[in-house]
Amino acid sequence: MSEALARAEARSRWEVLYDDVRRRHAEGQSLRRITSETGLARATVRKYAFSDTFPRHGLRGPGPSILDPYLDHLHARLAEGCENAMQLWREARDLGFCGTQKPIQRWLSERRTRPAKTTTRQWPTRPACPNPSPSSPPPLPSPKQLSWPLLREPAELNPEDVAVVEWVMQDVQTATVDLARRFCDIVRRAGLREQQDGSSPKAFDAWLVEARRCGVRVVESFAASLDHDGCAVRAALSPPWSNGQTEGQINRLKLLKRAMYGRAKLDLLRRRFLLAA
């Protein structure tokens, strides 16, 4: 559908240029002057000037496609409600289709009735105010900026952040914010010595089951990757020790190294490391 709209918009722009060239030519302007003022190619100006109707350039009909033998099956599956391009490609491949999934994805993109699961979600935006006043609410921040207030407890937010969070939570997929908050809480509690009672791995297992069934592709993929390394994650949540101090020292040494990169030899760099330690 988007490709068809783009073609229609392009045709309307060319029709405006065609009318402009015809008007200029009827007023007696030379082809050279029209070419100079419009910026069009001389051949295009000549074609438009002497054509009684708008030329149908670039609007060729569809040619033969490798999908033609499988269109009946694709249309039937689409009528049944299947809008998964990979599933349609697997079924077509079983029927003898030897191409990649790209042609099927392009064919399906013009016939979808709902966005694909891989489509990037857009955050809800507040309606534009025609006469903004100092008391009107500011526009929503970016998703990266929203992540901080969304993952904090409501009691820790100021009134402005509370209003933003309430507005964003109207979106359907933000129901997974509760999963994100619970995951952060599990990680935080695992680092507290007084709460090392073995509850963190159990809470992680319960969270993992819900996250893999939440229906949001990104969250399900993240949960699947954690489940793949489940033993390492549970081991990190169990003991009271943390490698934060080690990572901090490594990060500090990298900063010193990059600050002196290309400025001295290894002996001076080694001496600075030792003095910094």
Protein backbone atom coordinates (compact mmCIF):
# COMPACT_ATOMS: atom_id res chain seq x y z
CA MET A 1 0.00 0.00 0.00
CA SER A 2 2.86 2.39 0.82
CA GLU A 3 4.47 1.78 -2.58
CA ALA A 4 1.22 2.54 -4.37
CA LEU A 5 0.84 5.78 -2.42
CA ALA A 6 4.41 6.77 -3.26
CA ARG A 7 3.79 6.15 -6.96
CA ALA A 8 0.60 8.21 -6.84
CA GLU A 9 2.39 11.10 -5.12
CA ALA A 10 5.21 10.98 -7.66
CA ARG A 11 2.73 11.01 -10.54
CA SER A 12 0.94 14.02 -9.07
CA ARG A 13 4.23 15.92 -8.80
CA TRP A 14 5.08 15.16 -12.43
CA GLU A 15 1.61 16.23 -13.53
CA VAL A 16 2.16 19.60 -11.85
CA LEU A 17 5.44 19.98 -13.75
CA TYR A 18 3.72 18.94 -16.98
CA ASP A 19 1.03 21.60 -16.53
CA ASP A 20 3.72 24.19 -15.77
CA VAL A 21 5.70 23.33 -18.92
CA ARG A 22 2.55 23.41 -21.08
CA ARG A 23 1.57 26.80 -19.65
CA ARG A 24 5.00 28.29 -20.24
CA HIS A 25 5.14 26.93 -23.78
CA ALA A 26 1.66 28.32 -24.54
CA GLU A 27 2.85 31.74 -23.33
CA GLY A 28 5.60 31.66 -25.94
CA GLN A 29 8.62 30.82 -23.78
CA SER A 30 11.42 28.95 -25.52
CA LEU A 31 12.36 25.41 -24.58
CA ARG A 32 15.79 26.63 -23.47
CA ARG A 33 14.27 29.13 -21.05
CA ILE A 34 11.80 26.56 -19.68
CA THR A 35 14.64 24.11 -19.14
CA SER A 36 16.68 26.72 -17.31
CA GLU A 37 13.88 27.92 -15.03
CA THR A 38 12.29 24.56 -14.19
CA GLY A 39 15.49 22.52 -13.88
CA LEU A 40 14.04 19.69 -15.97
CA ALA A 41 15.99 17.84 -18.61
CA ARG A 42 15.70 19.30 -22.11
CA ALA A 43 14.28 16.05 -23.46
CA THR A 44 11.61 16.04 -20.73
CA VAL A 45 10.67 19.66 -21.47
CA ARG A 46 10.38 18.90 -25.20
CA LYS A 47 8.23 15.84 -24.54
CA TYR A 48 5.92 17.73 -22.20
CA ALA A 49 5.66 20.79 -24.45
CA PHE A 50 4.51 18.85 -27.51
CA SER A 51 2.35 16.24 -25.76
CA ASP A 52 -1.40 16.89 -25.60
CA THR A 53 -1.83 14.55 -22.63
CA PHE A 54 0.36 13.68 -19.70
CA PRO A 55 2.82 10.95 -20.79
CA ARG A 56 2.41 7.69 -18.91
CA HIS A 57 6.10 7.27 -18.23
CA GLY A 58 7.20 4.81 -15.58
CA LEU A 59 3.73 3.22 -15.28
CA ARG A 60 4.33 -0.14 -16.90
CA GLY A 61 2.11 -3.02 -16.01
CA PRO A 62 3.46 -5.87 -13.90
CA GLY A 63 5.54 -8.40 -15.78
CA PRO A 64 5.89 -12.13 -15.18
CA SER A 65 7.03 -13.11 -11.71
CA ILE A 66 8.40 -16.25 -10.09
CA LEU A 67 5.46 -15.98 -7.69
CA ASP A 68 2.85 -16.46 -10.43
CA PRO A 69 2.53 -20.27 -10.01
CA TYR A 70 1.97 -19.83 -6.27
CA LEU A 71 -0.36 -16.83 -6.19
CA ASP A 72 -3.47 -18.98 -5.77
CA HIS A 73 -2.00 -20.56 -2.65
CA LEU A 74 -0.83 -17.20 -1.29
CA HIS A 75 -4.22 -15.57 -1.84
CA ALA A 76 -5.96 -18.51 -0.17
CA ARG A 77 -3.68 -18.37 2.87
CA LEU A 78 -4.07 -14.60 3.06
CA ALA A 79 -7.87 -15.01 3.05
CA GLU A 80 -7.48 -17.44 5.99
CA GLY A 81 -5.72 -14.70 7.95
CA CYS A 82 -2.08 -15.77 7.59
CA GLU A 83 0.07 -12.63 7.31
CA ASN A 84 3.38 -14.17 8.32
CA ALA A 85 5.78 -13.78 5.40
CA MET A 86 8.19 -16.44 6.66
CA GLN A 87 5.38 -18.97 7.08
CA LEU A 88 4.10 -18.27 3.57
CA TRP A 89 7.63 -18.62 2.20
CA ARG A 90 8.07 -22.01 3.89
CA GLU A 91 4.78 -23.24 2.47
CA ALA A 92 5.66 -21.96 -1.01
CA ARG A 93 9.08 -23.59 -0.75
CA ASP A 94 7.44 -26.92 0.05
CA LEU A 95 5.37 -26.46 -3.11
CA GLY A 96 8.51 -25.96 -5.22
CA PHE A 97 9.23 -22.23 -4.90
CA CYS A 98 12.99 -21.74 -5.31
CA GLY A 99 13.28 -18.02 -4.52
CA THR A 100 14.03 -16.19 -1.29
CA GLN A 101 11.49 -14.71 1.12
CA LYS A 102 11.96 -11.18 -0.25
CA PRO A 103 9.42 -11.46 -3.12
CA ILE A 104 6.81 -12.83 -0.73
CA GLN A 105 7.52 -10.07 1.78
CA ARG A 106 7.05 -7.40 -0.91
CA TRP A 107 3.86 -9.08 -2.14
CA LEU A 108 2.49 -9.30 1.40
CA SER A 109 3.47 -5.74 2.38
CA GLU A 110 0.88 -4.31 -0.05
CA ARG A 111 -1.90 -6.56 1.28
CA ARG A 112 -1.48 -6.50 5.04
CA THR A 113 -4.48 -5.65 7.19
CA ARG A 114 -2.37 -5.04 10.31
CA PRO A 115 1.27 -4.10 10.98
CA ALA A 116 3.85 -6.85 11.05
CA LYS A 117 5.31 -7.93 14.39
CA THR A 118 8.69 -6.57 13.28
CA THR A 119 7.26 -3.10 12.62
CA THR A 120 8.81 -0.50 14.90
CA ARG A 121 6.33 0.67 17.48
CA GLN A 122 5.56 4.38 17.67
CA TRP A 123 5.00 5.94 21.07
CA PRO A 124 1.68 7.77 21.46
CA THR A 125 1.97 11.50 21.03
CA ARG A 126 -0.07 14.21 22.64
CA PRO A 127 -2.37 16.13 20.27
CA ALA A 128 -0.88 19.37 19.05
CA CYS A 129 -2.13 22.48 20.79
CA PRO A 130 -2.99 25.29 18.32
CA ASN A 131 -2.32 28.01 20.92
CA PRO A 132 0.27 26.65 23.33
CA SER A 133 0.38 28.33 26.70
CA PRO A 134 2.97 28.15 29.48
CA SER A 135 0.64 25.82 31.38
CA SER A 136 0.22 23.36 28.48
CA PRO A 137 2.07 20.03 28.91
CA PRO A 138 5.35 19.61 26.99
CA PRO A 139 5.65 17.07 24.18
CA LEU A 140 6.53 13.49 25.03
CA PRO A 141 10.25 12.74 25.33
CA SER A 142 12.00 10.16 23.19
CA PRO A 143 11.73 6.43 24.05
CA LYS A 144 15.30 6.51 25.39
CA GLN A 145 14.41 9.37 27.74
CA LEU A 146 11.18 7.64 28.75
CA SER A 147 12.97 4.50 29.88
CA TRP A 148 14.17 6.15 33.12
CA PRO A 149 10.77 7.24 34.53
CA LEU A 150 9.09 4.08 33.26
CA LEU A 151 11.44 1.80 35.18
CA ARG A 152 11.26 3.73 38.45
CA GLU A 153 8.61 3.32 41.09
CA PRO A 154 5.72 5.82 40.84
CA ALA A 155 6.45 7.08 44.35
CA GLU A 156 9.92 8.19 43.25
CA LEU A 157 8.70 10.36 40.35
CA ASN A 158 7.82 14.03 40.29
CA PRO A 159 4.33 15.12 39.13
CA GLU A 160 5.53 15.89 35.57
CA ASP A 161 7.02 12.40 35.12
CA VAL A 162 3.92 10.82 36.65
CA ALA A 163 1.73 12.56 34.04
CA VAL A 164 4.02 11.40 31.22
CA VAL A 165 4.02 7.80 32.46
CA GLU A 166 0.22 7.76 32.76
CA TRP A 167 -0.11 9.02 29.20
CA VAL A 168 2.35 6.49 27.80
CA MET A 169 0.74 3.61 29.70
CA GLN A 170 -2.39 4.06 27.57
CA ASP A 171 -0.55 2.24 24.79
CA VAL A 172 -1.31 -1.49 24.62
CA GLN A 173 2.26 -2.75 24.48
CA THR A 174 3.40 -0.71 27.48
CA ALA A 175 1.75 -3.37 29.62
CA THR A 176 5.21 -5.00 29.50
CA VAL A 177 6.57 -2.11 31.60
CA ASP A 178 5.59 -4.14 34.67
CA LEU A 179 7.82 -6.97 33.44
CA ALA A 180 10.70 -4.57 32.99
CA ARG A 181 10.23 -3.15 36.49
CA ARG A 182 10.12 -6.61 38.02
CA PHE A 183 13.28 -7.64 36.18
CA CYS A 184 15.14 -4.56 37.46
CA ASP A 185 13.87 -5.28 40.96
CA ILE A 186 15.17 -8.87 40.77
CA VAL A 187 18.62 -7.67 39.69
CA ARG A 188 18.73 -4.98 42.40
CA ARG A 189 17.68 -7.34 45.18
CA ALA A 190 20.30 -9.87 44.08
CA GLY A 191 23.02 -7.34 44.90
CA LEU A 192 21.84 -6.78 48.47
CA ARG A 193 23.56 -9.00 51.00
CA GLU A 194 20.67 -8.89 53.47
CA GLN A 195 18.31 -10.33 50.84
CA GLN A 196 20.42 -13.30 49.73
CA ASP A 197 17.77 -15.85 50.67
CA GLY A 198 17.60 -17.67 47.34
CA SER A 199 14.41 -15.92 46.25
CA SER A 200 16.02 -14.12 43.29
CA PRO A 201 16.49 -17.23 41.08
CA LYS A 202 12.91 -18.34 41.86
CA ALA A 203 11.56 -14.89 41.01
CA PHE A 204 13.63 -14.92 37.83
CA ASP A 205 12.12 -18.27 36.76
CA ALA A 206 8.59 -16.94 37.32
CA TRP A 207 9.43 -13.76 35.42
CA LEU A 208 10.90 -15.79 32.56
CA VAL A 209 7.69 -17.78 32.07
CA GLU A 210 5.57 -14.62 31.86
CA ALA A 211 8.03 -12.78 29.62
CA ARG A 212 8.15 -15.59 27.06
CA ARG A 213 4.34 -15.51 26.80
CA CYS A 214 3.71 -11.74 26.92
CA GLY A 215 3.06 -11.43 23.17
CA VAL A 216 5.63 -8.68 22.52
CA ARG A 217 8.29 -9.90 20.13
CA VAL A 218 11.18 -7.87 21.58
CA VAL A 219 10.50 -8.95 25.17
CA GLU A 220 10.02 -12.58 24.14
CA SER A 221 13.33 -12.53 22.25
CA PHE A 222 15.11 -11.01 25.25
CA ALA A 223 13.63 -13.63 27.56
CA ALA A 224 14.64 -16.42 25.18
CA SER A 225 18.24 -15.20 25.17
CA LEU A 226 18.25 -15.13 28.99
CA ASP A 227 16.76 -18.61 29.11
CA HIS A 228 19.52 -19.82 26.77
CA ASP A 229 22.10 -18.73 29.39
CA GLY A 230 19.81 -19.51 32.30
CA CYS A 231 22.46 -21.27 34.39
CA ALA A 232 24.81 -18.29 34.23
CA VAL A 233 22.01 -15.84 35.04
CA ARG A 234 20.84 -17.85 38.05
CA ALA A 235 24.42 -18.17 39.26
CA ALA A 236 24.83 -14.40 39.03
CA LEU A 237 21.64 -13.86 41.05
CA SER A 238 22.52 -16.36 43.80
CA PRO A 239 25.83 -15.31 45.49
CA PRO A 240 26.28 -11.97 47.28
CA TRP A 241 29.45 -11.11 45.36
CA SER A 242 29.65 -8.80 42.40
CA ASN A 243 32.30 -8.10 39.76
CA GLY A 244 31.36 -4.42 39.71
CA GLN A 245 34.62 -3.37 41.35
CA THR A 246 36.65 -5.32 38.80
CA GLU A 247 34.73 -3.87 35.88
CA GLY A 248 35.16 -0.37 37.31
CA GLN A 249 38.95 -0.77 37.56
CA ILE A 250 39.12 -2.12 34.01
CA ASN A 251 37.08 0.80 32.72
CA ARG A 252 39.39 3.27 34.54
CA LEU A 253 42.52 1.68 33.03
CA LYS A 254 40.97 1.80 29.55
CA LEU A 255 40.25 5.49 30.04
CA LEU A 256 43.88 6.16 30.99
CA LYS A 257 45.12 4.15 28.02
CA ARG A 258 42.91 5.99 25.53
CA ALA A 259 43.82 9.36 27.00
CA MET A 260 47.52 8.66 26.27
CA TYR A 261 47.08 6.79 23.02
CA GLY A 262 49.84 7.74 20.57
CA ARG A 263 51.47 10.21 22.99
CA ALA A 264 54.09 8.11 24.78
CA LYS A 265 55.76 4.73 24.81
CA LEU A 266 54.81 1.74 26.91
CA ASP A 267 57.21 2.57 29.74
CA LEU A 268 55.44 5.89 30.48
CA LEU A 269 52.04 4.27 30.11
CA ARG A 270 53.04 1.51 32.54
CA ARG A 271 54.35 4.07 35.05
CA ARG A 272 51.10 6.03 34.92
CA PHE A 273 49.06 2.86 35.43
CA LEU A 274 51.07 1.96 38.49
CA LEU A 275 50.82 5.45 39.96
CA ALA A 276 47.09 5.55 39.29
CA ALA A 277 46.64 2.23 41.06
